[in-house]
N, C-alpha and C. Protein backbone atom coordinates (compact mmCIF):
# COMPACT_ATOMS: atom_id res chain seq x y z
N UNK A 1 -19.21 -12.61 11.80
CA UNK A 1 -19.65 -12.55 10.65
C UNK A 1 -18.38 -13.06 10.12
N UNK A 2 -18.05 -13.98 8.88
CA UNK A 2 -17.14 -14.77 8.30
C UNK A 2 -16.66 -13.58 7.30
N UNK A 3 -14.80 -13.52 7.21
CA UNK A 3 -14.44 -13.01 6.32
C UNK A 3 -14.52 -13.76 4.88
N UNK A 4 -15.21 -12.47 3.65
CA UNK A 4 -15.05 -13.23 2.30
C UNK A 4 -13.57 -12.41 1.84
N UNK A 5 -12.82 -13.92 1.10
CA UNK A 5 -11.70 -12.74 0.55
C UNK A 5 -12.46 -12.30 -1.07
N UNK A 6 -11.98 -10.66 -1.12
CA UNK A 6 -12.18 -9.92 -1.83
C UNK A 6 -11.03 -9.89 -3.26
N UNK A 7 -10.08 -9.74 -2.51
CA UNK A 7 -8.91 -9.92 -3.91
C UNK A 7 -7.39 -10.52 -3.14
N UNK A 8 -6.11 -10.95 -3.64
CA UNK A 8 -4.98 -11.07 -3.42
C UNK A 8 -4.09 -10.51 -3.68
N UNK A 9 -3.07 -11.37 -3.16
CA UNK A 9 -1.19 -10.56 -3.52
C UNK A 9 -0.79 -11.45 -3.20
N UNK A 10 -0.06 -11.95 -4.43
CA UNK A 10 1.08 -12.90 -4.71
C UNK A 10 2.40 -12.23 -4.54
N UNK A 11 3.07 -13.14 -4.77
CA UNK A 11 4.68 -12.52 -5.18
C UNK A 11 4.82 -12.43 -6.51
N UNK A 12 4.04 -12.91 -7.87
CA UNK A 12 3.69 -12.46 -9.42
C UNK A 12 3.46 -11.34 -9.27
N UNK A 13 2.79 -10.62 -8.19
CA UNK A 13 2.17 -9.62 -8.20
C UNK A 13 3.42 -8.38 -7.91
N UNK A 14 4.79 -8.81 -7.94
CA UNK A 14 5.31 -7.86 -7.08
C UNK A 14 6.90 -8.49 -8.42
N UNK A 15 7.66 -6.90 -7.92
CA UNK A 15 8.84 -7.19 -8.80
C UNK A 15 10.05 -7.70 -7.64
N UNK A 16 10.44 -9.08 -8.20
CA UNK A 16 11.58 -9.14 -6.97
C UNK A 16 12.74 -8.87 -7.29
N UNK A 17 13.77 -8.20 -6.72
CA UNK A 17 15.07 -8.13 -6.97
C UNK A 17 16.49 -8.36 -5.60
N UNK A 18 16.94 -8.84 -6.42
CA UNK A 18 18.14 -9.80 -5.18
C UNK A 18 19.09 -8.63 -5.81
N UNK A 19 20.51 -8.63 -4.40
CA UNK A 19 21.55 -8.78 -4.70
C UNK A 19 22.66 -8.67 -3.55
N UNK A 20 23.78 -8.62 -3.40
CA UNK A 20 24.80 -9.40 -3.06
C UNK A 20 24.58 -8.66 -1.49
N UNK A 21 24.90 -9.22 -0.49
CA UNK A 21 25.20 -8.67 0.55
C UNK A 21 26.79 -8.73 1.42
N UNK A 22 27.12 -7.20 2.06
CA UNK A 22 28.08 -7.65 2.96
C UNK A 22 27.82 -8.16 3.61
N UNK A 23 29.31 -8.03 4.52
CA UNK A 23 29.26 -9.07 5.85
C UNK A 23 30.44 -9.72 6.60
N UNK A 24 30.58 -9.92 7.07
CA UNK A 24 32.21 -11.20 7.32
C UNK A 24 32.10 -11.92 6.06
N UNK A 25 33.68 -12.30 5.94
CA UNK A 25 33.88 -12.65 4.67
C UNK A 25 34.15 -14.54 5.02
N UNK A 26 33.96 -14.74 4.38
CA UNK A 26 34.00 -16.41 3.55
C UNK A 26 34.02 -17.24 2.41
N UNK A 27 33.56 -18.17 2.39
CA UNK A 27 33.73 -18.32 0.95
C UNK A 27 32.36 -17.90 0.47
N UNK A 28 32.56 -17.44 -1.16
CA UNK A 28 31.04 -17.07 -1.59
C UNK A 28 30.32 -15.59 -1.10
N UNK A 29 31.38 -14.99 -0.43
CA UNK A 29 31.36 -13.48 0.01
C UNK A 29 30.81 -12.83 -1.16
N UNK A 30 31.24 -12.19 -1.92
CA UNK A 30 30.94 -11.79 -2.74
C UNK A 30 29.73 -12.29 -4.22
N UNK A 31 29.46 -13.55 -4.18
CA UNK A 31 29.31 -13.75 -5.15
C UNK A 31 27.42 -14.53 -5.14
N UNK A 32 27.39 -14.54 -3.97
CA UNK A 32 25.90 -14.83 -3.13
C UNK A 32 24.87 -13.45 -3.57
N UNK A 33 23.69 -13.90 -4.37
CA UNK A 33 22.91 -12.69 -4.30
C UNK A 33 21.70 -13.29 -3.05
N UNK A 34 22.21 -13.00 -1.97
CA UNK A 34 21.43 -13.81 -0.75
C UNK A 34 20.01 -12.48 -0.70
N UNK A 35 20.55 -11.21 -0.07
CA UNK A 35 19.11 -10.18 -0.22
C UNK A 35 18.13 -9.57 -0.85
N UNK A 36 17.28 -9.73 -1.23
CA UNK A 36 16.06 -9.61 -2.22
C UNK A 36 15.49 -8.48 -0.96
N UNK A 37 15.64 -7.75 -2.58
CA UNK A 37 14.15 -6.85 -2.24
C UNK A 37 12.64 -6.20 -3.33
N UNK A 38 11.82 -6.63 -2.41
CA UNK A 38 9.85 -6.39 -3.30
C UNK A 38 9.51 -5.75 -3.24
N UNK A 39 8.81 -5.16 -4.58
CA UNK A 39 8.32 -3.82 -4.64
C UNK A 39 6.90 -4.28 -4.69
N UNK A 40 5.86 -3.76 -4.54
CA UNK A 40 4.53 -3.48 -4.95
C UNK A 40 4.13 -3.16 -6.74
N UNK A 41 4.12 -2.72 -7.24
CA UNK A 41 4.53 -1.78 -8.43
C UNK A 41 2.87 -0.45 -7.69
N UNK A 42 1.98 -1.16 -7.34
CA UNK A 42 0.70 -0.70 -7.99
C UNK A 42 -0.29 0.47 -6.58
N UNK A 43 0.91 0.26 -5.63
CA UNK A 43 1.24 0.41 -3.71
C UNK A 43 2.27 1.65 -3.87
N UNK A 44 3.44 1.06 -4.38
CA UNK A 44 4.90 1.58 -4.24
C UNK A 44 5.37 0.72 -3.02
N UNK A 45 4.81 0.52 -2.50
CA UNK A 45 5.76 -0.48 -1.11
C UNK A 45 6.95 -1.40 -1.57
N UNK A 46 7.42 -1.47 -0.24
CA UNK A 46 8.71 -1.76 -1.16
C UNK A 46 9.47 -2.31 0.82
N UNK A 47 9.28 -3.81 0.38
CA UNK A 47 10.22 -4.44 1.74
C UNK A 47 11.46 -5.29 1.45
N UNK A 48 12.78 -5.13 1.81
CA UNK A 48 13.60 -5.68 1.98
C UNK A 48 14.34 -6.72 3.13
N UNK A 49 15.26 -7.66 2.93
CA UNK A 49 15.53 -8.52 3.83
C UNK A 49 17.10 -9.12 3.61
N UNK A 50 17.53 -8.66 4.44
CA UNK A 50 19.53 -9.33 4.21
C UNK A 50 19.57 -10.72 5.46
N UNK A 51 18.25 -10.46 6.08
CA UNK A 51 18.89 -11.33 7.83
C UNK A 51 19.07 -12.93 7.42
N UNK A 52 19.41 -13.04 6.58
CA UNK A 52 20.08 -14.70 6.30
C UNK A 52 20.57 -14.92 5.13
N UNK A 53 21.06 -15.91 5.58
CA UNK A 53 22.10 -16.29 3.88
C UNK A 53 21.43 -16.71 2.73
N UNK A 54 19.80 -17.35 2.91
CA UNK A 54 19.17 -18.01 2.49
C UNK A 54 18.29 -17.21 1.37
N UNK A 55 18.27 -16.54 0.14
CA UNK A 55 17.62 -15.96 -0.84
C UNK A 55 16.00 -16.73 -0.56
N UNK A 56 15.73 -17.45 0.12
CA UNK A 56 13.91 -18.32 -0.31
C UNK A 56 13.52 -17.43 1.13
N UNK A 57 14.42 -17.65 2.00
CA UNK A 57 13.68 -17.13 3.55
C UNK A 57 13.90 -15.42 3.59
N UNK A 58 14.67 -15.39 2.72
CA UNK A 58 15.20 -12.93 2.59
C UNK A 58 13.17 -13.11 1.96
N UNK A 59 13.26 -13.93 0.67
CA UNK A 59 12.17 -13.42 0.10
C UNK A 59 10.74 -13.13 0.79
N UNK A 60 10.40 -14.40 1.98
CA UNK A 60 9.12 -14.78 2.38
C UNK A 60 9.06 -13.02 3.53
N UNK A 61 10.16 -12.87 4.13
CA UNK A 61 10.56 -11.65 5.74
C UNK A 61 10.68 -10.99 4.33
N UNK A 62 11.06 -10.71 3.18
CA UNK A 62 10.78 -9.40 2.19
C UNK A 62 9.52 -8.78 2.09
N UNK A 63 8.51 -10.20 1.53
CA UNK A 63 7.39 -10.01 1.10
C UNK A 63 5.77 -9.61 2.58
N UNK A 64 6.69 -10.38 3.69
CA UNK A 64 5.91 -10.19 4.85
C UNK A 64 6.24 -8.22 5.03
N UNK A 65 7.45 -7.95 4.67
CA UNK A 65 7.77 -6.57 5.34
C UNK A 65 7.07 -5.63 4.37
N UNK A 66 7.17 -5.84 2.96
CA UNK A 66 6.33 -5.50 2.35
C UNK A 66 5.02 -4.96 2.84
N UNK A 67 4.23 -6.09 2.69
CA UNK A 67 3.05 -6.35 3.33
C UNK A 67 2.64 -5.58 4.27
N UNK A 68 3.25 -5.19 5.42
CA UNK A 68 3.07 -4.78 7.02
C UNK A 68 3.27 -2.59 6.65
N UNK A 69 4.04 -2.50 5.70
CA UNK A 69 4.15 -1.43 5.23
C UNK A 69 3.03 -0.47 5.00
N UNK A 70 3.16 0.46 5.06
CA UNK A 70 1.84 2.06 4.96
C UNK A 70 1.21 2.17 4.02
N UNK A 71 2.37 2.25 3.07
CA UNK A 71 1.99 2.58 1.81
C UNK A 71 1.02 0.92 1.08
N UNK A 72 1.26 -0.11 1.60
CA UNK A 72 0.76 -1.41 1.12
C UNK A 72 -1.01 -1.38 1.54
N UNK A 73 -1.34 -1.28 3.18
CA UNK A 73 -2.03 -1.05 3.77
C UNK A 73 -3.18 -0.37 3.04
N UNK A 74 -2.63 1.15 3.05
CA UNK A 74 -3.69 2.10 2.46
C UNK A 74 -4.14 1.56 0.70
N UNK A 75 -2.96 1.20 0.12
CA UNK A 75 -3.49 0.79 -0.83
C UNK A 75 -4.51 -0.45 -0.99
N UNK A 76 -4.67 -1.38 -0.27
CA UNK A 76 -5.19 -2.60 0.05
C UNK A 76 -6.97 -2.12 0.70
N UNK A 77 -6.53 -1.07 1.14
CA UNK A 77 -7.92 -0.32 1.70
C UNK A 77 -9.20 -0.12 0.68
N UNK A 78 -8.34 1.02 0.34
CA UNK A 78 -8.55 1.56 -1.29
C UNK A 78 -8.75 0.59 -2.31
N UNK A 79 -8.26 -0.26 -2.44
CA UNK A 79 -8.86 -1.10 -3.65
C UNK A 79 -10.22 -2.40 -3.01
N UNK A 80 -10.25 -2.49 -2.03
CA UNK A 80 -11.51 -3.32 -1.22
C UNK A 80 -12.35 -2.13 -1.58
N UNK A 81 -12.06 -0.92 -1.27
CA UNK A 81 -13.10 0.27 -1.45
C UNK A 81 -13.93 0.54 -2.58
N UNK A 82 -12.95 -0.05 -3.42
CA UNK A 82 -13.36 0.03 -5.17
C UNK A 82 -14.34 -0.63 -5.34
N UNK A 83 -13.84 -2.21 -5.05
CA UNK A 83 -14.32 -3.46 -5.35
C UNK A 83 -15.81 -3.54 -4.77
N UNK A 84 -15.68 -2.58 -3.84
CA UNK A 84 -17.03 -2.97 -2.67
C UNK A 84 -18.00 -2.28 -3.37
N UNK A 85 -17.91 -0.68 -3.96
CA UNK A 85 -18.84 0.04 -3.99
C UNK A 85 -18.51 0.24 -5.57
N UNK A 86 -17.81 0.01 -6.47
CA UNK A 86 -17.86 -0.17 -7.73
C UNK A 86 -17.46 2.00 -7.92
N UNK A 87 -17.13 1.72 -7.29
CA UNK A 87 -16.47 3.88 -7.43
C UNK A 87 -14.87 3.82 -6.82
N UNK A 88 -14.00 4.50 -7.46
CA UNK A 88 -12.68 5.00 -7.19
C UNK A 88 -12.92 6.51 -6.40
N UNK A 89 -11.97 6.14 -5.40
CA UNK A 89 -11.95 7.31 -4.79
C UNK A 89 -12.07 9.08 -4.95
N UNK A 90 -11.73 8.95 -6.52
CA UNK A 90 -11.36 9.52 -7.02
C UNK A 90 -13.31 10.33 -7.70
N UNK A 91 -14.24 9.23 -8.17
CA UNK A 91 -15.59 9.17 -7.77
C UNK A 91 -16.15 9.66 -6.93
N UNK A 92 -15.70 8.99 -5.65
CA UNK A 92 -16.29 9.06 -4.47
C UNK A 92 -16.55 10.68 -4.04
N UNK A 93 -15.06 11.20 -4.17
CA UNK A 93 -15.30 12.58 -3.91
C UNK A 93 -15.83 13.74 -4.87
N UNK A 94 -15.54 13.39 -6.20
CA UNK A 94 -16.87 14.12 -6.94
C UNK A 94 -18.34 14.07 -6.64
N UNK A 95 -18.60 13.31 -6.39
CA UNK A 95 -20.13 12.93 -5.73
C UNK A 95 -20.19 13.74 -5.13
N UNK A 96 -18.91 14.36 -3.48
CA UNK A 96 -19.11 14.29 -2.40
C UNK A 96 -19.02 16.14 -2.79
N UNK A 97 -18.48 16.21 -3.73
CA UNK A 97 -18.49 17.84 -3.97
C UNK A 97 -19.36 17.83 -4.79
N UNK A 98 -20.47 17.51 -4.83
CA UNK A 98 -22.20 18.20 -6.45
C UNK A 98 -22.72 19.03 -4.73
N UNK A 99 -22.84 20.26 -5.47
CA UNK A 99 -23.38 21.45 -5.09
C UNK A 99 -24.44 20.58 -3.73
N UNK A 100 -25.26 20.03 -4.26
CA UNK A 100 -26.14 19.81 -3.33
C UNK A 100 -25.99 18.67 -2.07
N UNK A 101 -25.32 18.56 -1.85
CA UNK A 101 -24.07 18.03 -0.87
C UNK A 101 -23.34 18.85 0.06
N UNK A 102 -23.05 20.28 -0.70
CA UNK A 102 -22.00 21.17 0.13
C UNK A 102 -23.29 22.33 0.79
N UNK A 103 -22.67 22.23 2.22
CA UNK A 103 -23.71 23.15 2.73
C UNK A 103 -22.74 25.08 3.24
N UNK A 104 -23.02 25.50 2.74
CA UNK A 104 -22.30 26.87 3.08
C UNK A 104 -22.91 28.09 4.21
N UNK A 105 -22.48 28.34 5.33
CA UNK A 105 -22.72 28.94 6.06
C UNK A 105 -21.97 30.07 6.30
N UNK A 106 -22.75 31.55 6.33
CA UNK A 106 -21.32 32.95 6.79
C UNK A 106 -22.13 33.20 7.84
N UNK A 107 -21.24 34.19 8.90
CA UNK A 107 -21.18 34.59 9.60
C UNK A 107 -21.51 35.92 9.77
N UNK A 108 -23.34 35.87 10.63
CA UNK A 108 -23.82 37.83 10.17
C UNK A 108 -24.37 38.26 11.22
N UNK A 109 -23.43 39.01 11.59
CA UNK A 109 -23.90 39.51 13.40
C UNK A 109 -23.44 38.95 14.53
N UNK A 110 -22.50 37.84 14.30
CA UNK A 110 -22.08 36.64 15.05
C UNK A 110 -22.56 35.88 15.24
N UNK A 111 -23.31 34.76 14.54
CA UNK A 111 -24.19 34.27 14.33
C UNK A 111 -23.97 33.34 13.13
N UNK A 112 -23.46 31.87 12.57
CA UNK A 112 -23.85 31.50 11.73
C UNK A 112 -25.08 31.14 10.97
N UNK A 113 -25.16 31.34 9.47
CA UNK A 113 -26.34 31.40 9.32
C UNK A 113 -26.07 30.48 7.69
N UNK A 114 -26.93 29.79 7.08
CA UNK A 114 -27.14 29.11 6.14
C UNK A 114 -27.15 29.75 5.04
N UNK A 115 -26.53 29.84 3.98
CA UNK A 115 -25.65 30.99 3.04
C UNK A 115 -26.96 30.45 1.44
N UNK A 116 -27.74 31.43 0.94
CA UNK A 116 -29.19 31.54 0.36
C UNK A 116 -28.04 31.43 -1.05
N UNK A 117 -28.13 30.48 -2.01
CA UNK A 117 -28.02 30.02 -3.16
C UNK A 117 -28.38 30.06 -4.68
């Protein structure tokens, strides 16, 4: 079955922060903001990269690292489920907790039996 695009997340959906990177000396060492930290506010996922001297490459690496975090993957699953079902996780929990969906059993004389409610 072919996959269908449900939603997308891009760099414009994230906060991008740049910072100076320490390291070996050289021209422009303390003036170059080549380190990049990308934060996805809805999920709280953060990716950081200081691997290269080029901010553009670090931005790509940071975005990939943010997308690979557990927090982002969990947010994606919850968001996709909400879009597919039209119900948030809270709505689904409330529905599951309705009395008609709960079975209560008690142990009587060593045997579990349904409780009369």
